[in-house]
Amino acid sequence: DFSFKGELTKIGVDGIYTSYKEVLSYNKKPIQITSIASTSNNVWFGSANGILFKQGSNKTQIDSITVLPKISGLPQTIKSIAFTSDKKIWMSTNTGSI
């Protein structure tokens, strides 16, 4: 698992650190990032809450793209993300199946 308290930091080519901890919170609680994948234009983040996030290469904000459905009232933790084309994304979880 990557970030247990929701810290997510980007280091630019200029060496400047940008924290996204406050951006990735829900009800003032940090969101645990469990997977990260990138394409040529975007960085994708999966969370323990089953939320898929994306940050475009020309954007500073991180957008919530979708939330996986809960199983028996529990969120599906996104464990890995892969791409087979620009329009096809695959995610694995620790519960259920996708």
C-alpha atoms as a PDB file:
ATOM      1  CA  ASP A   1       0.000   0.000   0.000  1.00  0.00           C
ATOM      2  CA  PHE A   2       1.259   3.441  -0.861  1.00  0.00           C
ATOM      3  CA  SER A   3      -0.088   6.237   1.283  1.00  0.00           C
ATOM      4  CA  PHE A   4      -1.658   5.318   4.608  1.00  0.00           C
ATOM      5  CA  LYS A   5      -2.584   8.850   5.695  1.00  0.00           C
ATOM      6  CA  GLY A   6      -3.518  10.357   2.374  1.00  0.00           C
ATOM      7  CA  GLU A   7      -0.242  12.133   1.605  1.00  0.00           C
ATOM      8  CA  LEU A   8       0.380  12.485  -2.096  1.00  0.00           C
ATOM      9  CA  THR A   9       3.256  14.679  -3.241  1.00  0.00           C
ATOM     10  CA  LYS A  10       4.379  15.657  -6.713  1.00  0.00           C
ATOM     11  CA  ILE A  11       7.978  16.749  -7.281  1.00  0.00           C
ATOM     12  CA  GLY A  12       8.347  18.964 -10.340  1.00  0.00           C
ATOM     13  CA  VAL A  13      11.365  19.081 -12.657  1.00  0.00           C
ATOM     14  CA  ASP A  14      12.301  22.298 -10.858  1.00  0.00           C
ATOM     15  CA  GLY A  15      12.495  20.381  -7.550  1.00  0.00           C
ATOM     16  CA  ILE A  16       9.400  22.031  -6.092  1.00  0.00           C
ATOM     17  CA  TYR A  17       7.214  19.771  -3.953  1.00  0.00           C
ATOM     18  CA  THR A  18       3.428  20.039  -4.210  1.00  0.00           C
ATOM     19  CA  SER A  19       1.312  18.268  -1.596  1.00  0.00           C
ATOM     20  CA  TYR A  20      -2.160  17.026  -2.497  1.00  0.00           C
ATOM     21  CA  LYS A  21      -3.037  15.780   0.990  1.00  0.00           C
ATOM     22  CA  GLU A  22      -5.748  18.391   1.517  1.00  0.00           C
ATOM     23  CA  VAL A  23      -7.155  17.815  -1.978  1.00  0.00           C
ATOM     24  CA  LEU A  24      -7.485  14.076  -1.361  1.00  0.00           C
ATOM     25  CA  SER A  25      -9.640  14.129   1.727  1.00  0.00           C
ATOM     26  CA  TYR A  26     -13.259  13.313   2.451  1.00  0.00           C
ATOM     27  CA  ASN A  27     -15.012  14.884   5.453  1.00  0.00           C
ATOM     28  CA  LYS A  28     -11.580  16.156   6.530  1.00  0.00           C
ATOM     29  CA  LYS A  29     -10.224  12.585   6.680  1.00  0.00           C
ATOM     30  CA  PRO A  30      -7.339  11.601   4.410  1.00  0.00           C
ATOM     31  CA  ILE A  31      -8.003   9.186   1.580  1.00  0.00           C
ATOM     32  CA  GLN A  32      -5.577   6.267   1.363  1.00  0.00           C
ATOM     33  CA  ILE A  33      -4.001   5.997  -2.105  1.00  0.00           C
ATOM     34  CA  THR A  34      -3.439   2.318  -2.953  1.00  0.00           C
ATOM     35  CA  SER A  35      -2.371   2.437  -6.609  1.00  0.00           C
ATOM     36  CA  ILE A  36      -0.830   4.840  -9.109  1.00  0.00           C
ATOM     37  CA  ALA A  37      -0.541   4.480 -12.884  1.00  0.00           C
ATOM     38  CA  SER A  38       0.312   6.900 -15.663  1.00  0.00           C
ATOM     39  CA  THR A  39      -0.315   7.423 -19.340  1.00  0.00           C
ATOM     40  CA  SER A  40       1.343   9.983 -21.580  1.00  0.00           C
ATOM     41  CA  ASN A  41      -1.212  12.640 -20.592  1.00  0.00           C
ATOM     42  CA  ASN A  42      -2.573  11.647 -17.168  1.00  0.00           C
ATOM     43  CA  VAL A  43      -1.698  10.232 -13.775  1.00  0.00           C
ATOM     44  CA  TRP A  44      -4.339   7.937 -12.264  1.00  0.00           C
ATOM     45  CA  PHE A  45      -4.803   7.154  -8.561  1.00  0.00           C
ATOM     46  CA  GLY A  46      -6.866   4.375  -6.972  1.00  0.00           C
ATOM     47  CA  SER A  47      -7.954   4.544  -3.349  1.00  0.00           C
ATOM     48  CA  ALA A  48      -8.985   2.327  -0.445  1.00  0.00           C
ATOM     49  CA  ASN A  49     -12.446   3.902  -0.761  1.00  0.00           C
ATOM     50  CA  GLY A  50     -12.855   2.593  -4.329  1.00  0.00           C
ATOM     51  CA  ILE A  51     -12.462   6.064  -5.817  1.00  0.00           C
ATOM     52  CA  LEU A  52     -10.581   6.503  -9.093  1.00  0.00           C
ATOM     53  CA  PHE A  53      -8.859   9.881  -9.480  1.00  0.00           C
ATOM     54  CA  LYS A  54      -7.099  11.489 -12.447  1.00  0.00           C
ATOM     55  CA  GLN A  55      -4.745  14.407 -12.892  1.00  0.00           C
ATOM     56  CA  GLY A  56      -4.164  15.687 -16.416  1.00  0.00           C
ATOM     57  CA  SER A  57      -0.677  16.776 -17.441  1.00  0.00           C
ATOM     58  CA  ASN A  58      -1.815  20.383 -17.887  1.00  0.00           C
ATOM     59  CA  LYS A  59      -3.871  20.607 -14.707  1.00  0.00           C
ATOM     60  CA  THR A  60      -3.037  21.282 -11.093  1.00  0.00           C
ATOM     61  CA  GLN A  61      -6.188  19.745  -9.612  1.00  0.00           C
ATOM     62  CA  ILE A  62      -6.968  16.073  -9.160  1.00  0.00           C
ATOM     63  CA  ASP A  63     -10.431  15.022 -10.313  1.00  0.00           C
ATOM     64  CA  SER A  64     -12.586  12.194  -8.988  1.00  0.00           C
ATOM     65  CA  ILE A  65     -13.611  10.090 -12.000  1.00  0.00           C
ATOM     66  CA  THR A  66     -15.745   7.312 -10.517  1.00  0.00           C
ATOM     67  CA  VAL A  67     -16.466   5.331  -7.362  1.00  0.00           C
ATOM     68  CA  LEU A  68     -16.697   1.548  -7.486  1.00  0.00           C
ATOM     69  CA  PRO A  69     -19.857   0.085  -5.970  1.00  0.00           C
ATOM     70  CA  LYS A  70     -19.628  -1.211  -2.414  1.00  0.00           C
ATOM     71  CA  ILE A  71     -19.883  -4.946  -1.751  1.00  0.00           C
ATOM     72  CA  SER A  72     -21.822  -5.919   1.373  1.00  0.00           C
ATOM     73  CA  GLY A  73     -21.584  -2.296   2.473  1.00  0.00           C
ATOM     74  CA  LEU A  74     -17.775  -2.178   2.193  1.00  0.00           C
ATOM     75  CA  PRO A  75     -15.738  -0.192  -0.335  1.00  0.00           C
ATOM     76  CA  GLN A  76     -13.603  -1.976  -2.904  1.00  0.00           C
ATOM     77  CA  THR A  77      -9.925  -1.056  -2.537  1.00  0.00           C
ATOM     78  CA  ILE A  78      -8.333  -0.416  -5.929  1.00  0.00           C
ATOM     79  CA  LYS A  79      -5.089  -2.425  -5.872  1.00  0.00           C
ATOM     80  CA  SER A  80      -3.838  -1.917  -9.436  1.00  0.00           C
ATOM     81  CA  ILE A  81      -4.627   0.051 -12.579  1.00  0.00           C
ATOM     82  CA  ALA A  82      -3.680  -0.844 -16.166  1.00  0.00           C
ATOM     83  CA  PHE A  83      -4.488   0.514 -19.618  1.00  0.00           C
ATOM     84  CA  THR A  84      -5.033  -1.485 -22.808  1.00  0.00           C
ATOM     85  CA  SER A  85      -5.877   1.571 -24.913  1.00  0.00           C
ATOM     86  CA  ASP A  86      -6.668   5.258 -24.480  1.00  0.00           C
ATOM     87  CA  LYS A  87     -10.283   4.354 -23.736  1.00  0.00           C
ATOM     88  CA  LYS A  88      -9.908   1.114 -21.766  1.00  0.00           C
ATOM     89  CA  ILE A  89      -8.847   1.002 -18.145  1.00  0.00           C
ATOM     90  CA  TRP A  90      -8.622  -2.094 -15.963  1.00  0.00           C
ATOM     91  CA  MET A  91      -8.644  -2.108 -12.172  1.00  0.00           C
ATOM     92  CA  SER A  92      -8.145  -4.915  -9.702  1.00  0.00           C
ATOM     93  CA  THR A  93      -9.599  -4.841  -6.206  1.00  0.00           C
ATOM     94  CA  ASN A  94      -9.117  -6.746  -2.979  1.00  0.00           C
ATOM     95  CA  THR A  95     -12.806  -7.776  -2.885  1.00  0.00           C
ATOM     96  CA  GLY A  96     -15.385  -8.615  -5.494  1.00  0.00           C
ATOM     97  CA  SER A  97     -14.521  -8.549  -9.147  1.00  0.00           C
ATOM     98  CA  ILE A  98     -14.482  -6.059 -11.986  1.00  0.00           C
END
